[in-house]
Amino acid sequence: MKALLLRSMPSRRIVTALILATVLANVLALVSSVYSIHVMNRYLGNGVDATLLTLTIGAVIAIVAEYLLRSARLKVAEAVLGKNEADVTGSAFTTFASARLQTLEQLPAPQRREALGGLTSIQQFLTAGNLATVLDAPFALLFLAVLALLSPTLALISTIAIATLCTVIIFGQRSIREPTAQLSKLSARSGSLTNFLATSGETVRAFNCYDHLQRQWHESTGAVARVRQWLHARQNSIQQIGQSGGTVLSVAVYAIGAREVVHGHLDTGGLIGASILSARALAAVTRLAHLTEGFERARQALHHLSQLGRLPTEKQKGIVPVDIAGEIDIGDVALSYAGRPTPLFESVNAKVRAGGVLAVVGGNGSGKSSLLRLLAGLTEPDRGHIRVDNTDLRHVVPEWWRKQIIYLPQEPQFFDGTLKENLKVLSPQLADDALIDLCRSLDLAGFLNQSTEGLDMQIRNGGASLPVGVRRRLALVRALAGGGRIAILDEPTEGVDARGCQAIAQTLNNLVKRGCTVFVATREDFIIKAAEAVLDLNVKPVPQLVTARPEARKGHLGAVA
């Protein structure tokens, strides 16, 4: 546990300072018991006020010093653990943002969500208070040792009671580990249903889902409620055991200590001091025992994140060509997915000149989107190569390559933020007027004018509330804003109305006119007939490439029929 809390300490000096502050603070914590002993034995025995005043002033000074030491320790711990937390969360972000997509997507989505959700467990555990608890716990031995000097019997009883109580707490917390994991899974299922109810009102009503969803809702919420009630009952029991155990120990110390006083083995001041010391030792150890479950959750979360951290990342170094013409050579490319009995496609060969147009056709699941993801450098083929201007795409820096392309994915998504932030992510320096011109060129002026916020309108839930055709054209604006030379477009007109299709057709023609190389997965005849080459992925396993179609109008992609 201590290793988990101290793993990101920036220097030995800070660790040493924390430990030194802990030692001094816990030594000063002995003052309360020493003060009680001397007041009971010296002041009550002699009645000298000067003695009481001296003892009180000394105790107050010690208490203030202890408070200042503990406060300073907490501030240092907060700074250190703040950096620790930033490192952990930053590492998680880097893992998810820079891991090779092909490898990351092989992990089940629930596993990825669990790893990210585990950040909460880590953040809840890595606190200054928990670090202080870990540092203070060993000093329970100091309190018991001083107690043994006063009364070995009371020290033995306190040790046994504390050990027993901590064992009960630890085993009690372990007993709730599996139900806690079960509650997490049940809550995830309930959360999915809640999200569907919140976002899919049309489906619920149009397809009479009420009865079916009501059964699922009652089963889901009922199961969550039952497990949560059981957990609360068990946690309350553990808490009550801890409180009752402390009370029982206090009673035992006074009962046995009183006999020691009567038999002359201990004085009254020593009995009160012994009670304080046993309570201090109990508090230091039981606080640590209560952390064991949080520690286990944090350890598991770190384990999941570390597993993801071992995933191969996209390379950050490589070739960065000075200029790009845009010739693309696809040579003997093959791709397959785990669990699929046959390759998605293999031996794909196509050479597209700079400024050329290749249309990719095929039915659902034929591999159109997968091929375009290969071209975008998001995944890598099982075999073969993709070369840009005679340079293998695997050898260039991915960040550079993505600045050269105009990529429209099959399912465009946006992050939460303003529309402007989303559209300018590839080119933050782009002027608002230029961005608005791009929107107008794709017939989005009406959409922008519907909102008083314009480009400052807020996008939520990945843009799911936006109409499909609007979302698609906004994603194309985002891609065009980067000014790339190679367009990779997945079904650009899908879900788009007639006016939007006309605007997209004009945009494609403008791309061809300025010499962009265009790859487009499409079902639109006006694009297919105008392309210089057509790659048919319906032909398996080796797709058919048809080049130099007689009806192709080079330099012009036609118009919507």
Foldseek 3Di string as FASTA:
>chain_A
DLCLLCVQAPDVVLVVLLLVLLVLLLVLVLLVLVLLLCCVPPCVVPVDVVSNVVSVVVNVVSVVSSVVSLVVSQVSLQVRLVVVLVVLVVLLCCLVVFFQLVVVVVDDPVLNVLLVVLSVLQVVCNHSVNSSLVSNQVCLVVLLVVLVVQPVVLSVLLVVLLVVLLVVLLVLLVVCLVLVVVLVVLVVVLVVLVVCVVPPVVCCPVVVCVVVSVVVNCVSVVVNVVSVVVVVVSVVVSVVSLVVSLVVSLVVLCVVVVVCCVVPSHPPSSSSSSSSSSSSSSVSNNVNSNCPNSVVSSVVSVVSSVVSSPRHGQDQDFDQDPDFQFKKWWAQFWAADPPDPDTLATGETDIAGFLAEEEEEEDPSSCLLVVLCCVLVSHDTPDTFMDGVNHTPSGHRSVNSLLQELEQHPDQFFAWFFLLCGLCVLPVPDDPVVLVVLCVLLVNPVVQVVDPCRRRDTAPPRNPPPQPQSRLSSSSSSSVNSVHQEYREEASCVNHDQSSQQSVQVVVLVSSQVRGYYYYHHPAPLQVLQGQKYWYSNDPHHTDIDGRRVSHDRSHSGGHD
